[in-house]
């Protein structure tokens, strides 16, 4: 299981209508910080963890099911803390750095929200 905590939210990080949450760790540039949520790994963050379709992702107590994991997600998440949560149907050509989730519609996220991957 992977656990992180949101530490800041960029002023242009999007709205619930966008259906996207962009995550980076503290190494993100100022431009990326402006459009992203910055998060930190928590103590029980596993370095080698496989995310798979059907597993859950929670934002505090709000639970979502993984419907697609892009081929770049795990390496990006481990190296620069990056992924994109996409709350839409998986398209014909999904983004390789995204985790697609359902139900559709973004969760309520704030500074301090704990994100648990692979529950």
PDB file of N, CA and C in Angstrom:
ATOM      1  N   UNK A   1       0.845  -1.176   0.000  1.00  0.00           N
ATOM      2  CA  UNK A   1       0.000   0.000   0.000  1.00  0.00           C
ATOM      3  C   UNK A   1       0.892   1.242   0.000  1.00  0.00           C
ATOM      4  N   UNK A   2       0.451   2.249  -0.690  1.00  0.00           N
ATOM      5  CA  UNK A   2       1.165   3.518  -0.757  1.00  0.00           C
ATOM      6  C   UNK A   2       0.315   4.582  -0.087  1.00  0.00           C
ATOM      7  N   UNK A   3       0.935   5.375   0.779  1.00  0.00           N
ATOM      8  CA  UNK A   3       0.200   6.461   1.437  1.00  0.00           C
ATOM      9  C   UNK A   3       0.969   7.756   1.304  1.00  0.00           C
ATOM     10  N   UNK A   4       0.237   8.817   0.940  1.00  0.00           N
ATOM     11  CA  UNK A   4       0.824  10.146   0.852  1.00  0.00           C
ATOM     12  C   UNK A   4      -0.128  11.152   1.479  1.00  0.00           C
ATOM     13  N   UNK A   5       0.401  12.344   1.758  1.00  0.00           N
ATOM     14  CA  UNK A   5      -0.410  13.434   2.316  1.00  0.00           C
ATOM     15  C   UNK A   5      -0.235  14.667   1.444  1.00  0.00           C
ATOM     16  N   UNK A   6      -1.346  15.319   1.104  1.00  0.00           N
ATOM     17  CA  UNK A   6      -1.312  16.555   0.323  1.00  0.00           C
ATOM     18  C   UNK A   6      -0.748  17.663   1.206  1.00  0.00           C
ATOM     19  N   UNK A   7       0.307  18.344   0.708  1.00  0.00           N
ATOM     20  CA  UNK A   7       0.944  19.411   1.484  1.00  0.00           C
ATOM     21  C   UNK A   7       0.652  20.800   0.939  1.00  0.00           C
ATOM     22  N   UNK A   8       0.289  20.893  -0.340  1.00  0.00           N
ATOM     23  CA  UNK A   8      -0.115  22.188  -0.905  1.00  0.00           C
ATOM     24  C   UNK A   8      -0.915  21.949  -2.181  1.00  0.00           C
ATOM     25  N   UNK A   9      -1.722  22.947  -2.513  1.00  0.00           N
ATOM     26  CA  UNK A   9      -2.560  22.882  -3.711  1.00  0.00           C
ATOM     27  C   UNK A   9      -2.323  24.157  -4.502  1.00  0.00           C
ATOM     28  N   UNK A  10      -1.891  24.013  -5.747  1.00  0.00           N
ATOM     29  CA  UNK A  10      -1.598  25.163  -6.598  1.00  0.00           C
ATOM     30  C   UNK A  10      -2.836  26.000  -6.881  1.00  0.00           C
ATOM     31  N   UNK A  11      -2.618  27.301  -7.078  1.00  0.00           N
ATOM     32  CA  UNK A  11      -3.763  28.208  -7.283  1.00  0.00           C
ATOM     33  C   UNK A  11      -4.508  27.906  -8.575  1.00  0.00           C
ATOM     34  N   UNK A  12      -3.868  27.249  -9.533  1.00  0.00           N
ATOM     35  CA  UNK A  12      -4.520  26.867 -10.792  1.00  0.00           C
ATOM     36  C   UNK A  12      -4.594  25.348 -10.937  1.00  0.00           C
ATOM     37  N   UNK A  13      -4.750  24.672  -9.813  1.00  0.00           N
ATOM     38  CA  UNK A  13      -4.753  23.205  -9.818  1.00  0.00           C
ATOM     39  C   UNK A  13      -6.016  22.619 -10.430  1.00  0.00           C
ATOM     40  N   UNK A  14      -6.929  23.435 -10.853  1.00  0.00           N
ATOM     41  CA  UNK A  14      -8.143  22.933 -11.488  1.00  0.00           C
ATOM     42  C   UNK A  14      -9.314  22.959 -10.535  1.00  0.00           C
ATOM     43  N   UNK A  15     -10.437  22.567 -11.070  1.00  0.00           N
ATOM     44  CA  UNK A  15     -11.659  22.545 -10.277  1.00  0.00           C
ATOM     45  C   UNK A  15     -12.278  21.161 -10.373  1.00  0.00           C
ATOM     46  N   UNK A  16     -13.282  20.923  -9.562  1.00  0.00           N
ATOM     47  CA  UNK A  16     -13.945  19.620  -9.568  1.00  0.00           C
ATOM     48  C   UNK A  16     -14.532  19.286 -10.933  1.00  0.00           C
ATOM     49  N   UNK A  17     -14.857  20.300 -11.713  1.00  0.00           N
ATOM     50  CA  UNK A  17     -15.434  20.073 -13.036  1.00  0.00           C
ATOM     51  C   UNK A  17     -14.409  19.503 -14.020  1.00  0.00           C
ATOM     52  N   UNK A  18     -13.120  19.724 -13.768  1.00  0.00           N
ATOM     53  CA  UNK A  18     -12.072  19.235 -14.670  1.00  0.00           C
ATOM     54  C   UNK A  18     -11.979  17.713 -14.684  1.00  0.00           C
ATOM     55  N   UNK A  19     -12.234  17.112 -13.541  1.00  0.00           N
ATOM     56  CA  UNK A  19     -12.128  15.666 -13.449  1.00  0.00           C
ATOM     57  C   UNK A  19     -10.708  15.150 -13.437  1.00  0.00           C
ATOM     58  N   UNK A  20      -9.749  16.012 -13.083  1.00  0.00           N
ATOM     59  CA  UNK A  20      -8.338  15.629 -13.036  1.00  0.00           C
ATOM     60  C   UNK A  20      -7.691  16.149 -11.763  1.00  0.00           C
ATOM     61  N   UNK A  21      -6.809  15.361 -11.191  1.00  0.00           N
ATOM     62  CA  UNK A  21      -5.936  15.812 -10.108  1.00  0.00           C
ATOM     63  C   UNK A  21      -4.518  15.461 -10.529  1.00  0.00           C
ATOM     64  N   UNK A  22      -3.657  16.475 -10.603  1.00  0.00           N
ATOM     65  CA  UNK A  22      -2.255  16.280 -10.976  1.00  0.00           C
ATOM     66  C   UNK A  22      -1.428  16.299  -9.699  1.00  0.00           C
ATOM     67  N   UNK A  23      -0.662  15.247  -9.475  1.00  0.00           N
ATOM     68  CA  UNK A  23       0.179  15.129  -8.279  1.00  0.00           C
ATOM     69  C   UNK A  23       1.653  15.195  -8.639  1.00  0.00           C
ATOM     70  N   UNK A  24       2.414  15.881  -7.797  1.00  0.00           N
ATOM     71  CA  UNK A  24       3.873  15.871  -7.840  1.00  0.00           C
ATOM     72  C   UNK A  24       4.375  15.901  -6.413  1.00  0.00           C
ATOM     73  N   UNK A  25       5.625  15.464  -6.224  1.00  0.00           N
ATOM     74  CA  UNK A  25       6.233  15.611  -4.911  1.00  0.00           C
ATOM     75  C   UNK A  25       6.896  16.982  -4.819  1.00  0.00           C
ATOM     76  N   UNK A  26       7.647  17.199  -3.768  1.00  0.00           N
ATOM     77  CA  UNK A  26       8.238  18.509  -3.475  1.00  0.00           C
ATOM     78  C   UNK A  26       9.288  18.951  -4.492  1.00  0.00           C
ATOM     79  N   UNK A  27       9.711  18.061  -5.381  1.00  0.00           N
ATOM     80  CA  UNK A  27      10.720  18.430  -6.378  1.00  0.00           C
ATOM     81  C   UNK A  27      10.128  19.186  -7.571  1.00  0.00           C
ATOM     82  N   UNK A  28       8.819  19.366  -7.617  1.00  0.00           N
ATOM     83  CA  UNK A  28       8.163  20.025  -8.755  1.00  0.00           C
ATOM     84  C   UNK A  28       8.619  21.476  -8.900  1.00  0.00           C
ATOM     85  N   UNK A  29       8.733  21.915 -10.145  1.00  0.00           N
ATOM     86  CA  UNK A  29       9.086  23.312 -10.432  1.00  0.00           C
ATOM     87  C   UNK A  29       7.931  24.232 -10.023  1.00  0.00           C
ATOM     88  N   UNK A  30       8.204  25.529  -9.956  1.00  0.00           N
ATOM     89  CA  UNK A  30       7.159  26.492  -9.602  1.00  0.00           C
ATOM     90  C   UNK A  30       5.993  26.442 -10.579  1.00  0.00           C
ATOM     91  N   UNK A  31       6.282  26.279 -11.868  1.00  0.00           N
ATOM     92  CA  UNK A  31       5.208  26.204 -12.872  1.00  0.00           C
ATOM     93  C   UNK A  31       4.326  24.983 -12.633  1.00  0.00           C
ATOM     94  N   UNK A  32       4.930  23.849 -12.315  1.00  0.00           N
ATOM     95  CA  UNK A  32       4.148  22.646 -12.039  1.00  0.00           C
ATOM     96  C   UNK A  32       3.367  22.777 -10.737  1.00  0.00           C
ATOM     97  N   UNK A  33       3.973  23.395  -9.732  1.00  0.00           N
ATOM     98  CA  UNK A  33       3.286  23.595  -8.452  1.00  0.00           C
ATOM     99  C   UNK A  33       2.002  24.396  -8.626  1.00  0.00           C
ATOM    100  N   UNK A  34       2.021  25.323  -9.560  1.00  0.00           N
ATOM    101  CA  UNK A  34       0.868  26.190  -9.792  1.00  0.00           C
ATOM    102  C   UNK A  34      -0.359  25.400 -10.260  1.00  0.00           C
ATOM    103  N   UNK A  35      -0.157  24.301 -10.972  1.00  0.00           N
ATOM    104  CA  UNK A  35      -1.273  23.537 -11.539  1.00  0.00           C
ATOM    105  C   UNK A  35      -1.439  22.157 -10.894  1.00  0.00           C
ATOM    106  N   UNK A  36      -0.717  21.914  -9.803  1.00  0.00           N
ATOM    107  CA  UNK A  36      -0.682  20.579  -9.204  1.00  0.00           C
ATOM    108  C   UNK A  36      -0.999  20.606  -7.723  1.00  0.00           C
ATOM    109  N   UNK A  37      -1.200  19.400  -7.202  1.00  0.00           N
ATOM    110  CA  UNK A  37      -1.224  19.183  -5.763  1.00  0.00           C
ATOM    111  C   UNK A  37       0.116  18.550  -5.414  1.00  0.00           C
ATOM    112  N   UNK A  38       0.762  19.109  -4.408  1.00  0.00           N
ATOM    113  CA  UNK A  38       2.048  18.582  -3.945  1.00  0.00           C
ATOM    114  C   UNK A  38       1.764  17.650  -2.770  1.00  0.00           C
ATOM    115  N   UNK A  39       2.452  16.510  -2.759  1.00  0.00           N
ATOM    116  CA  UNK A  39       2.223  15.543  -1.686  1.00  0.00           C
ATOM    117  C   UNK A  39       3.551  14.991  -1.193  1.00  0.00           C
ATOM    118  N   UNK A  40       3.501  14.433   0.012  1.00  0.00           N
ATOM    119  CA  UNK A  40       4.683  13.811   0.610  1.00  0.00           C
ATOM    120  C   UNK A  40       4.366  12.362   0.940  1.00  0.00           C
ATOM    121  N   UNK A  41       5.370  11.509   0.791  1.00  0.00           N
ATOM    122  CA  UNK A  41       5.210  10.097   1.125  1.00  0.00           C
ATOM    123  C   UNK A  41       5.149   9.952   2.639  1.00  0.00           C
ATOM    124  N   UNK A  42       4.269   9.091   3.115  1.00  0.00           N
ATOM    125  CA  UNK A  42       4.178   8.804   4.540  1.00  0.00           C
ATOM    126  C   UNK A  42       5.029   7.583   4.872  1.00  0.00           C
ATOM    127  N   UNK A  43       5.244   7.347   6.154  1.00  0.00           N
ATOM    128  CA  UNK A  43       6.181   6.319   6.617  1.00  0.00           C
ATOM    129  C   UNK A  43       5.890   4.934   6.051  1.00  0.00           C
ATOM    130  N   UNK A  44       4.619   4.605   5.833  1.00  0.00           N
ATOM    131  CA  UNK A  44       4.302   3.260   5.347  1.00  0.00           C
ATOM    132  C   UNK A  44       4.190   3.196   3.823  1.00  0.00           C
ATOM    133  N   UNK A  45       4.880   4.098   3.125  1.00  0.00           N
ATOM    134  CA  UNK A  45       4.912   4.115   1.659  1.00  0.00           C
ATOM    135  C   UNK A  45       5.850   3.020   1.177  1.00  0.00           C
ATOM    136  N   UNK A  46       5.325   2.046   0.448  1.00  0.00           N
ATOM    137  CA  UNK A  46       6.145   0.944  -0.066  1.00  0.00           C
ATOM    138  C   UNK A  46       6.823   1.364  -1.363  1.00  0.00           C
ATOM    139  N   UNK A  47       8.117   1.154  -1.470  1.00  0.00           N
ATOM    140  CA  UNK A  47       8.871   1.574  -2.652  1.00  0.00           C
ATOM    141  C   UNK A  47       8.599   0.720  -3.884  1.00  0.00           C
ATOM    142  N   UNK A  48       8.277  -0.529  -3.709  1.00  0.00           N
ATOM    143  CA  UNK A  48       8.007  -1.417  -4.846  1.00  0.00           C
ATOM    144  C   UNK A  48       6.615  -1.999  -4.683  1.00  0.00           C
ATOM    145  N   UNK A  49       5.649  -1.310  -5.238  1.00  0.00           N
ATOM    146  CA  UNK A  49       4.266  -1.726  -5.076  1.00  0.00           C
ATOM    147  C   UNK A  49       3.578  -1.684  -6.427  1.00  0.00           C
ATOM    148  N   UNK A  50       2.892  -2.741  -6.789  1.00  0.00           N
ATOM    149  CA  UNK A  50       2.195  -2.801  -8.071  1.00  0.00           C
ATOM    150  C   UNK A  50       0.751  -2.356  -7.909  1.00  0.00           C
ATOM    151  N   UNK A  51       0.386  -1.302  -8.624  1.00  0.00           N
ATOM    152  CA  UNK A  51      -1.005  -0.869  -8.669  1.00  0.00           C
ATOM    153  C   UNK A  51      -1.693  -1.622  -9.793  1.00  0.00           C
ATOM    154  N   UNK A  52      -2.899  -2.112  -9.533  1.00  0.00           N
ATOM    155  CA  UNK A  52      -3.607  -2.885 -10.544  1.00  0.00           C
ATOM    156  C   UNK A  52      -5.071  -2.466 -10.627  1.00  0.00           C
ATOM    157  N   UNK A  53      -5.652  -2.737 -11.780  1.00  0.00           N
ATOM    158  CA  UNK A  53      -7.074  -2.482 -11.998  1.00  0.00           C
ATOM    159  C   UNK A  53      -7.875  -3.250 -10.951  1.00  0.00           C
ATOM    160  N   UNK A  54      -8.880  -2.586 -10.400  1.00  0.00           N
ATOM    161  CA  UNK A  54      -9.727  -3.200  -9.385  1.00  0.00           C
ATOM    162  C   UNK A  54      -9.355  -2.815  -7.967  1.00  0.00           C
ATOM    163  N   UNK A  55      -8.101  -2.371  -7.756  1.00  0.00           N
ATOM    164  CA  UNK A  55      -7.716  -1.907  -6.426  1.00  0.00           C
ATOM    165  C   UNK A  55      -8.398  -0.573  -6.142  1.00  0.00           C
ATOM    166  N   UNK A  56      -8.326  -0.155  -4.891  1.00  0.00           N
ATOM    167  CA  UNK A  56      -8.967   1.085  -4.463  1.00  0.00           C
ATOM    168  C   UNK A  56      -7.933   2.179  -4.233  1.00  0.00           C
ATOM    169  N   UNK A  57      -8.370   3.414  -4.432  1.00  0.00           N
ATOM    170  CA  UNK A  57      -7.627   4.605  -4.035  1.00  0.00           C
ATOM    171  C   UNK A  57      -8.577   5.401  -3.160  1.00  0.00           C
ATOM    172  N   UNK A  58      -8.100   5.819  -1.986  1.00  0.00           N
ATOM    173  CA  UNK A  58      -8.949   6.643  -1.128  1.00  0.00           C
ATOM    174  C   UNK A  58      -8.308   8.005  -0.914  1.00  0.00           C
ATOM    175  N   UNK A  59      -9.167   8.988  -0.820  1.00  0.00           N
ATOM    176  CA  UNK A  59      -8.807  10.361  -0.485  1.00  0.00           C
ATOM    177  C   UNK A  59      -9.499  10.603   0.841  1.00  0.00           C
ATOM    178  N   UNK A  60      -8.749  10.494   1.945  1.00  0.00           N
ATOM    179  CA  UNK A  60      -9.335  10.398   3.281  1.00  0.00           C
ATOM    180  C   UNK A  60     -10.310   9.218   3.260  1.00  0.00           C
ATOM    181  N   UNK A  61     -11.594   9.443   3.435  1.00  0.00           N
ATOM    182  CA  UNK A  61     -12.562   8.334   3.470  1.00  0.00           C
ATOM    183  C   UNK A  61     -13.311   8.142   2.154  1.00  0.00           C
ATOM    184  N   UNK A  62     -12.969   8.918   1.130  1.00  0.00           N
ATOM    185  CA  UNK A  62     -13.657   8.842  -0.161  1.00  0.00           C
ATOM    186  C   UNK A  62     -12.972   7.786  -1.028  1.00  0.00           C
ATOM    187  N   UNK A  63     -13.702   6.746  -1.406  1.00  0.00           N
ATOM    188  CA  UNK A  63     -13.098   5.595  -2.075  1.00  0.00           C
ATOM    189  C   UNK A  63     -13.432   5.555  -3.566  1.00  0.00           C
ATOM    190  N   UNK A  64     -12.414   5.214  -4.359  1.00  0.00           N
ATOM    191  CA  UNK A  64     -12.531   5.090  -5.811  1.00  0.00           C
ATOM    192  C   UNK A  64     -11.891   3.783  -6.243  1.00  0.00           C
ATOM    193  N   UNK A  65     -12.352   3.250  -7.370  1.00  0.00           N
ATOM    194  CA  UNK A  65     -11.794   2.016  -7.920  1.00  0.00           C
ATOM    195  C   UNK A  65     -10.921   2.339  -9.130  1.00  0.00           C
ATOM    196  N   UNK A  66      -9.754   1.703  -9.193  1.00  0.00           N
ATOM    197  CA  UNK A  66      -8.847   1.888 -10.328  1.00  0.00           C
ATOM    198  C   UNK A  66      -9.403   1.135 -11.539  1.00  0.00           C
ATOM    199  N   UNK A  67      -9.544   1.864 -12.665  1.00  0.00           N
ATOM    200  CA  UNK A  67     -10.013   1.238 -13.907  1.00  0.00           C
ATOM    201  C   UNK A  67      -8.900   1.133 -14.952  1.00  0.00           C
ATOM    202  N   UNK A  68      -7.795   1.858 -14.738  1.00  0.00           N
ATOM    203  CA  UNK A  68      -6.652   1.790 -15.652  1.00  0.00           C
ATOM    204  C   UNK A  68      -5.441   2.383 -14.948  1.00  0.00           C
ATOM    205  N   UNK A  69      -4.279   1.745 -15.134  1.00  0.00           N
ATOM    206  CA  UNK A  69      -3.003   2.262 -14.627  1.00  0.00           C
ATOM    207  C   UNK A  69      -2.058   2.380 -15.815  1.00  0.00           C
ATOM    208  N   UNK A  70      -1.656   3.603 -16.149  1.00  0.00           N
ATOM    209  CA  UNK A  70      -0.746   3.822 -17.270  1.00  0.00           C
ATOM    210  C   UNK A  70       0.619   3.210 -17.022  1.00  0.00           C
ATOM    211  N   UNK A  71       1.340   2.859 -18.086  1.00  0.00           N
ATOM    212  CA  UNK A  71       2.636   2.198 -17.950  1.00  0.00           C
ATOM    213  C   UNK A  71       3.725   3.061 -17.311  1.00  0.00           C
ATOM    214  N   UNK A  72       3.547   4.370 -17.250  1.00  0.00           N
ATOM    215  CA  UNK A  72       4.547   5.244 -16.626  1.00  0.00           C
ATOM    216  C   UNK A  72       4.224   5.591 -15.175  1.00  0.00           C
ATOM    217  N   UNK A  73       3.058   5.197 -14.696  1.00  0.00           N
ATOM    218  CA  UNK A  73       2.607   5.620 -13.368  1.00  0.00           C
ATOM    219  C   UNK A  73       3.581   5.214 -12.275  1.00  0.00           C
ATOM    220  N   UNK A  74       3.922   3.951 -12.187  1.00  0.00           N
ATOM    221  CA  UNK A  74       4.726   3.491 -11.056  1.00  0.00           C
ATOM    222  C   UNK A  74       6.115   4.108 -11.039  1.00  0.00           C
ATOM    223  N   UNK A  75       6.793   4.182 -12.188  1.00  0.00           N
ATOM    224  CA  UNK A  75       8.133   4.782 -12.201  1.00  0.00           C
ATOM    225  C   UNK A  75       8.063   6.271 -11.883  1.00  0.00           C
ATOM    226  N   UNK A  76       7.081   6.981 -12.434  1.00  0.00           N
ATOM    227  CA  UNK A  76       6.936   8.411 -12.133  1.00  0.00           C
ATOM    228  C   UNK A  76       6.591   8.644 -10.670  1.00  0.00           C
ATOM    229  N   UNK A  77       5.706   7.823 -10.135  1.00  0.00           N
ATOM    230  CA  UNK A  77       5.294   7.982  -8.743  1.00  0.00           C
ATOM    231  C   UNK A  77       6.470   7.767  -7.800  1.00  0.00           C
ATOM    232  N   UNK A  78       7.298   6.781  -8.088  1.00  0.00           N
ATOM    233  CA  UNK A  78       8.441   6.488  -7.224  1.00  0.00           C
ATOM    234  C   UNK A  78       9.559   7.520  -7.374  1.00  0.00           C
ATOM    235  N   UNK A  79       9.756   8.059  -8.572  1.00  0.00           N
ATOM    236  CA  UNK A  79      10.895   8.960  -8.789  1.00  0.00           C
ATOM    237  C   UNK A  79      10.577  10.425  -8.502  1.00  0.00           C
ATOM    238  N   UNK A  80       9.438  10.923  -8.982  1.00  0.00           N
ATOM    239  CA  UNK A  80       9.120  12.350  -8.798  1.00  0.00           C
ATOM    240  C   UNK A  80       7.742  12.569  -8.178  1.00  0.00           C
ATOM    241  N   UNK A  81       7.177  11.493  -7.652  1.00  0.00           N
ATOM    242  CA  UNK A  81       5.880  11.607  -6.991  1.00  0.00           C
ATOM    243  C   UNK A  81       4.763  12.036  -7.924  1.00  0.00           C
ATOM    244  N   UNK A  82       4.889  11.706  -9.207  1.00  0.00           N
ATOM    245  CA  UNK A  82       3.924  12.214 -10.181  1.00  0.00           C
ATOM    246  C   UNK A  82       2.961  11.161 -10.695  1.00  0.00           C
ATOM    247  N   UNK A  83       1.710  11.549 -10.750  1.00  0.00           N
ATOM    248  CA  UNK A  83       0.684  10.844 -11.506  1.00  0.00           C
ATOM    249  C   UNK A  83      -0.457  11.819 -11.736  1.00  0.00           C
ATOM    250  N   UNK A  84      -1.366  11.429 -12.584  1.00  0.00           N
ATOM    251  CA  UNK A  84      -2.600  12.185 -12.789  1.00  0.00           C
ATOM    252  C   UNK A  84      -3.749  11.249 -12.452  1.00  0.00           C
ATOM    253  N   UNK A  85      -4.615  11.675 -11.539  1.00  0.00           N
ATOM    254  CA  UNK A  85      -5.855  10.948 -11.294  1.00  0.00           C
ATOM    255  C   UNK A  85      -6.875  11.487 -12.278  1.00  0.00           C
ATOM    256  N   UNK A  86      -7.472  10.593 -13.040  1.00  0.00           N
ATOM    257  CA  UNK A  86      -8.462  10.987 -14.040  1.00  0.00           C
ATOM    258  C   UNK A  86      -9.792  10.332 -13.681  1.00  0.00           C
ATOM    259  N   UNK A  87     -10.812  11.165 -13.491  1.00  0.00           N
ATOM    260  CA  UNK A  87     -12.123  10.699 -13.050  1.00  0.00           C
ATOM    261  C   UNK A  87     -13.108  10.637 -14.223  1.00  0.00           C
ATOM    262  N   UNK A  88     -12.642  10.140 -15.364  1.00  0.00           N
ATOM    263  CA  UNK A  88     -13.451   9.971 -16.570  1.00  0.00           C
ATOM    264  C   UNK A  88     -13.370   8.514 -17.012  1.00  0.00           C
ATOM    265  N   UNK A  89     -14.199   8.154 -17.999  1.00  0.00           N
ATOM    266  CA  UNK A  89     -14.082   6.831 -18.620  1.00  0.00           C
ATOM    267  C   UNK A  89     -12.691   6.706 -19.248  1.00  0.00           C
ATOM    268  N   UNK A  90     -12.155   5.505 -19.271  1.00  0.00           N
ATOM    269  CA  UNK A  90     -10.861   5.271 -19.912  1.00  0.00           C
ATOM    270  C   UNK A  90     -11.053   5.430 -21.426  1.00  0.00           C
ATOM    271  N   UNK A  91     -10.312   6.359 -22.052  1.00  0.00           N
ATOM    272  CA  UNK A  91     -10.473   6.564 -23.493  1.00  0.00           C
ATOM    273  C   UNK A  91      -9.749   5.480 -24.298  1.00  0.00           C
ATOM    274  N   UNK A  92      -9.920   5.523 -25.592  1.00  0.00           N
ATOM    275  CA  UNK A  92      -9.245   4.587 -26.493  1.00  0.00           C
ATOM    276  C   UNK A  92      -7.731   4.700 -26.373  1.00  0.00           C
ATOM    277  N   UNK A  93      -7.240   5.922 -26.184  1.00  0.00           N
ATOM    278  CA  UNK A  93      -5.804   6.176 -26.072  1.00  0.00           C
ATOM    279  C   UNK A  93      -5.522   6.866 -24.731  1.00  0.00           C
ATOM    280  N   UNK A  94      -5.502   6.107 -23.617  1.00  0.00           N
ATOM    281  CA  UNK A  94      -5.316   6.727 -22.302  1.00  0.00           C
ATOM    282  C   UNK A  94      -3.908   7.288 -22.113  1.00  0.00           C
ATOM    283  N   UNK A  95      -3.811   8.309 -21.262  1.00  0.00           N
ATOM    284  CA  UNK A  95      -2.506   8.899 -20.946  1.00  0.00           C
ATOM    285  C   UNK A  95      -1.652   7.876 -20.189  1.00  0.00           C
ATOM    286  N   UNK A  96      -0.383   7.736 -20.545  1.00  0.00           N
ATOM    287  CA  UNK A  96       0.476   6.730 -19.912  1.00  0.00           C
ATOM    288  C   UNK A  96       0.885   7.074 -18.479  1.00  0.00           C
ATOM    289  N   UNK A  97       0.655   8.312 -18.058  1.00  0.00           N
ATOM    290  CA  UNK A  97       1.032   8.720 -16.698  1.00  0.00           C
ATOM    291  C   UNK A  97      -0.185   8.885 -15.796  1.00  0.00           C
ATOM    292  N   UNK A  98      -1.312   8.288 -16.175  1.00  0.00           N
ATOM    293  CA  UNK A  98      -2.561   8.493 -15.433  1.00  0.00           C
ATOM    294  C   UNK A  98      -3.091   7.225 -14.788  1.00  0.00           C
ATOM    295  N   UNK A  99      -3.799   7.452 -13.682  1.00  0.00           N
ATOM    296  CA  UNK A  99      -4.601   6.424 -13.027  1.00  0.00           C
ATOM    297  C   UNK A  99      -6.051   6.853 -13.227  1.00  0.00           C
ATOM    298  N   UNK A 100      -6.818   6.039 -13.940  1.00  0.00           N
ATOM    299  CA  UNK A 100      -8.238   6.339 -14.159  1.00  0.00           C
ATOM    300  C   UNK A 100      -9.044   5.702 -13.035  1.00  0.00           C
ATOM    301  N   UNK A 101     -10.020   6.460 -12.534  1.00  0.00           N
ATOM    302  CA  UNK A 101     -10.781   6.036 -11.361  1.00  0.00           C
ATOM    303  C   UNK A 101     -12.279   6.169 -11.593  1.00  0.00           C
ATOM    304  N   UNK A 102     -13.045   5.351 -10.875  1.00  0.00           N
ATOM    305  CA  UNK A 102     -14.490   5.533 -10.806  1.00  0.00           C
ATOM    306  C   UNK A 102     -14.917   5.346  -9.370  1.00  0.00           C
ATOM    307  N   UNK A 103     -15.983   5.973  -8.914  1.00  0.00           N
ATOM    308  CA  UNK A 103     -16.955   6.715  -9.708  1.00  0.00           C
ATOM    309  C   UNK A 103     -16.349   7.992 -10.279  1.00  0.00           C
ATOM    310  N   UNK A 104     -17.017   8.525 -11.262  1.00  0.00           N
ATOM    311  CA  UNK A 104     -16.551   9.724 -11.940  1.00  0.00           C
ATOM    312  C   UNK A 104     -16.956  10.930 -11.101  1.00  0.00           C
ATOM    313  N   UNK A 105     -16.094  11.913 -11.056  1.00  0.00           N
ATOM    314  CA  UNK A 105     -16.301  13.083 -10.206  1.00  0.00           C
ATOM    315  C   UNK A 105     -15.233  13.116  -9.138  1.00  0.00           C
ATOM    316  N   UNK A 106     -14.591  14.255  -9.018  1.00  0.00           N
ATOM    317  CA  UNK A 106     -13.461  14.398  -8.092  1.00  0.00           C
ATOM    318  C   UNK A 106     -13.888  14.376  -6.634  1.00  0.00           C
ATOM    319  N   UNK A 107     -13.006  13.873  -5.783  1.00  0.00           N
ATOM    320  CA  UNK A 107     -13.245  13.921  -4.341  1.00  0.00           C
ATOM    321  C   UNK A 107     -12.950  15.313  -3.792  1.00  0.00           C
ATOM    322  N   UNK A 108     -13.362  15.535  -2.561  1.00  0.00           N
ATOM    323  CA  UNK A 108     -12.974  16.752  -1.853  1.00  0.00           C
ATOM    324  C   UNK A 108     -11.561  16.534  -1.337  1.00  0.00           C
ATOM    325  N   UNK A 109     -10.639  17.378  -1.771  1.00  0.00           N
ATOM    326  CA  UNK A 109      -9.235  17.266  -1.376  1.00  0.00           C
ATOM    327  C   UNK A 109      -8.788  18.609  -0.830  1.00  0.00           C
ATOM    328  N   UNK A 110      -8.023  18.581   0.246  1.00  0.00           N
ATOM    329  CA  UNK A 110      -7.506  19.792   0.879  1.00  0.00           C
ATOM    330  C   UNK A 110      -6.110  19.489   1.415  1.00  0.00           C
ATOM    331  N   UNK A 111      -5.407  20.509   1.835  1.00  0.00           N
ATOM    332  CA  UNK A 111      -4.106  20.289   2.465  1.00  0.00           C
ATOM    333  C   UNK A 111      -4.340  19.397   3.685  1.00  0.00           C
ATOM    334  N   UNK A 112      -3.588  18.326   3.764  1.00  0.00           N
ATOM    335  CA  UNK A 112      -3.745  17.359   4.844  1.00  0.00           C
ATOM    336  C   UNK A 112      -4.466  16.087   4.428  1.00  0.00           C
ATOM    337  N   UNK A 113      -5.130  16.093   3.271  1.00  0.00           N
ATOM    338  CA  UNK A 113      -5.800  14.882   2.789  1.00  0.00           C
ATOM    339  C   UNK A 113      -4.779  13.757   2.628  1.00  0.00           C
ATOM    340  N   UNK A 114      -5.114  12.580   3.137  1.00  0.00           N
ATOM    341  CA  UNK A 114      -4.266  11.397   2.977  1.00  0.00           C
ATOM    342  C   UNK A 114      -4.798  10.593   1.795  1.00  0.00           C
ATOM    343  N   UNK A 115      -3.899  10.308   0.855  1.00  0.00           N
ATOM    344  CA  UNK A 115      -4.236   9.505  -0.319  1.00  0.00           C
ATOM    345  C   UNK A 115      -3.628   8.123  -0.119  1.00  0.00           C
ATOM    346  N   UNK A 116      -4.459   7.095  -0.196  1.00  0.00           N
ATOM    347  CA  UNK A 116      -4.003   5.716  -0.051  1.00  0.00           C
ATOM    348  C   UNK A 116      -4.209   5.001  -1.379  1.00  0.00           C
ATOM    349  N   UNK A 117      -3.124   4.507  -1.934  1.00  0.00           N
ATOM    350  CA  UNK A 117      -3.141   3.799  -3.213  1.00  0.00           C
ATOM    351  C   UNK A 117      -3.162   2.300  -2.950  1.00  0.00           C
ATOM    352  N   UNK A 118      -4.023   1.564  -3.648  1.00  0.00           N
ATOM    353  CA  UNK A 118      -3.970   0.107  -3.599  1.00  0.00           C
ATOM    354  C   UNK A 118      -4.536  -0.504  -2.351  1.00  0.00           C
ATOM    355  N   UNK A 119      -5.568   0.068  -1.854  1.00  0.00           N
ATOM    356  CA  UNK A 119      -6.199  -0.424  -0.635  1.00  0.00           C
ATOM    357  C   UNK A 119      -6.940  -1.708  -0.893  1.00  0.00           C
TER     358      UNK A 119
END
